């Protein structure tokens, strides 16, 4: 099995849960009570999302870029 590296964003919601999202894989979001749990859950979600996208003939990932914004 091949390994790949993906970017993941982590935030904490108002109830204290950690939300993990992979912006490179559309719709790939998970959560956990701890950051460690959220990271493990998003790893599983990435695998599952990629499998579904492959089965549906969709591109596995989308391009994610950074932009500079003055605030």
N, C-alpha and C. Protein backbone atom coordinates (compact mmCIF):
# COMPACT_ATOMS: atom_id res chain seq x y z
N UNK A 1 0.84 -1.18 0.00
CA UNK A 1 0.00 0.00 0.00
C UNK A 1 0.90 1.25 0.00
N UNK A 2 0.56 2.24 -0.83
CA UNK A 2 1.33 3.48 -0.91
C UNK A 2 0.96 4.43 0.21
N UNK A 3 1.92 5.24 0.61
CA UNK A 3 1.67 6.27 1.62
C UNK A 3 1.66 7.63 0.95
N UNK A 4 0.83 8.52 1.44
CA UNK A 4 0.76 9.88 0.94
C UNK A 4 0.60 10.81 2.14
N UNK A 5 1.03 12.04 1.98
CA UNK A 5 0.93 13.04 3.04
C UNK A 5 -0.11 14.07 2.64
N UNK A 6 -0.98 14.41 3.57
CA UNK A 6 -2.03 15.41 3.33
C UNK A 6 -1.98 16.48 4.41
N UNK A 7 -2.40 17.67 4.05
CA UNK A 7 -2.53 18.76 5.02
C UNK A 7 -3.83 18.58 5.79
N UNK A 8 -3.81 18.92 7.07
CA UNK A 8 -4.99 18.82 7.91
C UNK A 8 -5.08 20.09 8.75
N UNK A 9 -6.28 20.66 8.82
CA UNK A 9 -6.50 21.79 9.72
C UNK A 9 -7.19 21.26 10.97
N UNK A 10 -6.84 21.85 12.11
CA UNK A 10 -7.42 21.45 13.39
C UNK A 10 -7.99 22.70 14.06
N UNK A 11 -9.22 22.60 14.52
CA UNK A 11 -9.82 23.68 15.31
C UNK A 11 -10.62 23.04 16.43
N UNK A 12 -10.98 23.84 17.39
CA UNK A 12 -11.75 23.33 18.52
C UNK A 12 -13.09 24.05 18.54
N UNK A 13 -14.18 23.29 18.63
CA UNK A 13 -15.51 23.91 18.61
C UNK A 13 -15.92 24.36 20.01
N UNK A 14 -17.10 24.95 20.08
CA UNK A 14 -17.58 25.52 21.34
C UNK A 14 -17.84 24.47 22.42
N UNK A 15 -17.98 23.20 22.03
CA UNK A 15 -18.18 22.12 23.00
C UNK A 15 -16.87 21.46 23.41
N UNK A 16 -15.75 21.93 22.85
CA UNK A 16 -14.45 21.39 23.21
C UNK A 16 -13.95 20.28 22.30
N UNK A 17 -14.76 19.87 21.32
CA UNK A 17 -14.32 18.83 20.38
C UNK A 17 -13.32 19.42 19.39
N UNK A 18 -12.38 18.58 18.97
CA UNK A 18 -11.41 18.99 17.96
C UNK A 18 -11.95 18.57 16.59
N UNK A 19 -11.98 19.52 15.67
CA UNK A 19 -12.45 19.28 14.31
C UNK A 19 -11.23 19.22 13.40
N UNK A 20 -11.11 18.14 12.65
CA UNK A 20 -9.99 17.95 11.73
C UNK A 20 -10.54 17.88 10.31
N UNK A 21 -9.95 18.68 9.42
CA UNK A 21 -10.41 18.73 8.04
C UNK A 21 -9.22 18.64 7.10
N UNK A 22 -9.40 17.89 6.03
CA UNK A 22 -8.37 17.78 5.00
C UNK A 22 -8.84 18.56 3.78
N UNK A 23 -8.33 19.78 3.59
CA UNK A 23 -8.81 20.60 2.48
C UNK A 23 -8.48 20.04 1.09
N UNK A 24 -7.53 19.15 1.00
CA UNK A 24 -7.14 18.57 -0.28
C UNK A 24 -8.11 17.49 -0.77
N UNK A 25 -8.94 16.98 0.16
CA UNK A 25 -9.91 15.94 -0.19
C UNK A 25 -11.30 16.50 0.11
N UNK A 26 -12.06 16.87 -0.91
CA UNK A 26 -13.37 17.49 -0.70
C UNK A 26 -14.27 16.68 0.23
N UNK A 27 -14.86 17.37 1.20
CA UNK A 27 -15.80 16.75 2.12
C UNK A 27 -15.18 15.92 3.23
N UNK A 28 -13.88 15.95 3.35
CA UNK A 28 -13.20 15.11 4.33
C UNK A 28 -13.02 15.85 5.65
N UNK A 29 -13.92 15.56 6.59
CA UNK A 29 -13.92 16.21 7.90
C UNK A 29 -14.19 15.13 8.95
N UNK A 30 -13.54 15.27 10.11
CA UNK A 30 -13.80 14.36 11.22
C UNK A 30 -13.62 15.14 12.52
N UNK A 31 -13.80 14.46 13.62
CA UNK A 31 -13.66 15.12 14.92
C UNK A 31 -13.22 14.12 15.97
N UNK A 32 -12.90 14.64 17.15
CA UNK A 32 -12.53 13.78 18.27
C UNK A 32 -12.57 14.58 19.56
N UNK A 33 -12.62 13.87 20.66
CA UNK A 33 -12.63 14.53 21.97
C UNK A 33 -11.27 15.13 22.29
N UNK A 34 -10.22 14.53 21.71
CA UNK A 34 -8.87 15.04 21.89
C UNK A 34 -8.26 15.28 20.51
N UNK A 35 -7.16 16.03 20.47
CA UNK A 35 -6.49 16.27 19.20
C UNK A 35 -5.99 14.95 18.60
N UNK A 36 -5.45 14.09 19.44
CA UNK A 36 -4.95 12.79 18.98
C UNK A 36 -6.08 11.97 18.36
N UNK A 37 -7.22 11.94 19.03
CA UNK A 37 -8.38 11.19 18.51
C UNK A 37 -8.85 11.80 17.19
N UNK A 38 -8.89 13.11 17.10
CA UNK A 38 -9.32 13.77 15.86
C UNK A 38 -8.37 13.45 14.71
N UNK A 39 -7.07 13.42 14.99
CA UNK A 39 -6.09 13.11 13.95
C UNK A 39 -6.24 11.67 13.47
N UNK A 40 -6.45 10.75 14.38
CA UNK A 40 -6.66 9.36 13.98
C UNK A 40 -7.95 9.22 13.16
N UNK A 41 -8.99 9.90 13.61
CA UNK A 41 -10.27 9.84 12.89
C UNK A 41 -10.16 10.44 11.49
N UNK A 42 -9.42 11.54 11.35
CA UNK A 42 -9.31 12.15 10.02
C UNK A 42 -8.44 11.29 9.10
N UNK A 43 -7.48 10.57 9.65
CA UNK A 43 -6.71 9.61 8.83
C UNK A 43 -7.65 8.57 8.21
N UNK A 44 -8.53 8.03 9.04
CA UNK A 44 -9.50 7.05 8.56
C UNK A 44 -10.46 7.69 7.54
N UNK A 45 -10.89 8.91 7.82
CA UNK A 45 -11.79 9.61 6.90
C UNK A 45 -11.13 9.86 5.55
N UNK A 46 -9.86 10.22 5.56
CA UNK A 46 -9.14 10.44 4.30
C UNK A 46 -9.12 9.16 3.48
N UNK A 47 -8.77 8.05 4.12
CA UNK A 47 -8.74 6.76 3.41
C UNK A 47 -10.11 6.44 2.80
N UNK A 48 -11.15 6.62 3.60
CA UNK A 48 -12.51 6.31 3.12
C UNK A 48 -12.95 7.25 2.00
N UNK A 49 -12.67 8.54 2.15
CA UNK A 49 -13.04 9.51 1.10
C UNK A 49 -12.32 9.20 -0.20
N UNK A 50 -11.04 8.88 -0.11
CA UNK A 50 -10.28 8.56 -1.31
C UNK A 50 -10.83 7.31 -2.00
N UNK A 51 -11.21 6.32 -1.21
CA UNK A 51 -11.78 5.10 -1.77
C UNK A 51 -13.08 5.39 -2.51
N UNK A 52 -13.95 6.19 -1.91
CA UNK A 52 -15.23 6.54 -2.54
C UNK A 52 -14.99 7.35 -3.81
N UNK A 53 -14.08 8.33 -3.75
CA UNK A 53 -13.79 9.15 -4.92
C UNK A 53 -13.23 8.28 -6.06
N UNK A 54 -12.38 7.32 -5.71
CA UNK A 54 -11.82 6.41 -6.72
C UNK A 54 -12.94 5.59 -7.36
N UNK A 55 -13.83 5.03 -6.53
CA UNK A 55 -14.94 4.22 -7.03
C UNK A 55 -15.85 5.02 -7.96
N UNK A 56 -16.03 6.31 -7.66
CA UNK A 56 -16.91 7.16 -8.46
C UNK A 56 -16.21 7.81 -9.65
N UNK A 57 -14.93 7.53 -9.80
CA UNK A 57 -14.18 8.08 -10.92
C UNK A 57 -13.89 9.56 -10.79
N UNK A 58 -13.92 10.08 -9.57
CA UNK A 58 -13.63 11.49 -9.31
C UNK A 58 -12.14 11.68 -9.08
N UNK A 59 -11.64 12.90 -9.32
CA UNK A 59 -10.24 13.15 -8.95
C UNK A 59 -10.07 12.91 -7.45
N UNK A 60 -8.98 12.30 -7.06
CA UNK A 60 -8.79 11.97 -5.64
C UNK A 60 -8.62 13.21 -4.78
N UNK A 61 -7.92 14.19 -5.29
CA UNK A 61 -7.67 15.40 -4.50
C UNK A 61 -7.92 16.62 -5.36
N UNK A 62 -7.98 17.77 -4.70
CA UNK A 62 -8.05 19.03 -5.40
C UNK A 62 -6.82 19.84 -5.03
N UNK A 63 -6.53 20.81 -5.84
CA UNK A 63 -5.35 21.66 -5.61
C UNK A 63 -5.66 22.68 -4.52
N UNK A 64 -4.77 22.80 -3.56
CA UNK A 64 -4.91 23.76 -2.48
C UNK A 64 -3.72 24.71 -2.56
N UNK A 65 -4.01 25.99 -2.58
CA UNK A 65 -2.95 26.99 -2.65
C UNK A 65 -3.17 28.02 -1.55
N UNK A 66 -2.13 28.76 -1.27
CA UNK A 66 -2.21 29.83 -0.28
C UNK A 66 -2.28 31.16 -0.99
N UNK A 67 -2.99 32.11 -0.38
CA UNK A 67 -3.05 33.48 -0.89
C UNK A 67 -2.66 34.42 0.22
N UNK A 68 -2.09 35.53 -0.16
CA UNK A 68 -1.70 36.55 0.81
C UNK A 68 -2.80 37.59 0.91
N UNK A 69 -3.18 37.92 2.13
CA UNK A 69 -4.25 38.89 2.38
C UNK A 69 -3.78 39.88 3.43
N UNK A 70 -3.98 41.14 3.20
CA UNK A 70 -3.66 42.15 4.19
C UNK A 70 -4.84 42.27 5.16
N UNK A 71 -4.55 42.18 6.45
CA UNK A 71 -5.61 42.30 7.47
C UNK A 71 -5.30 43.40 8.45
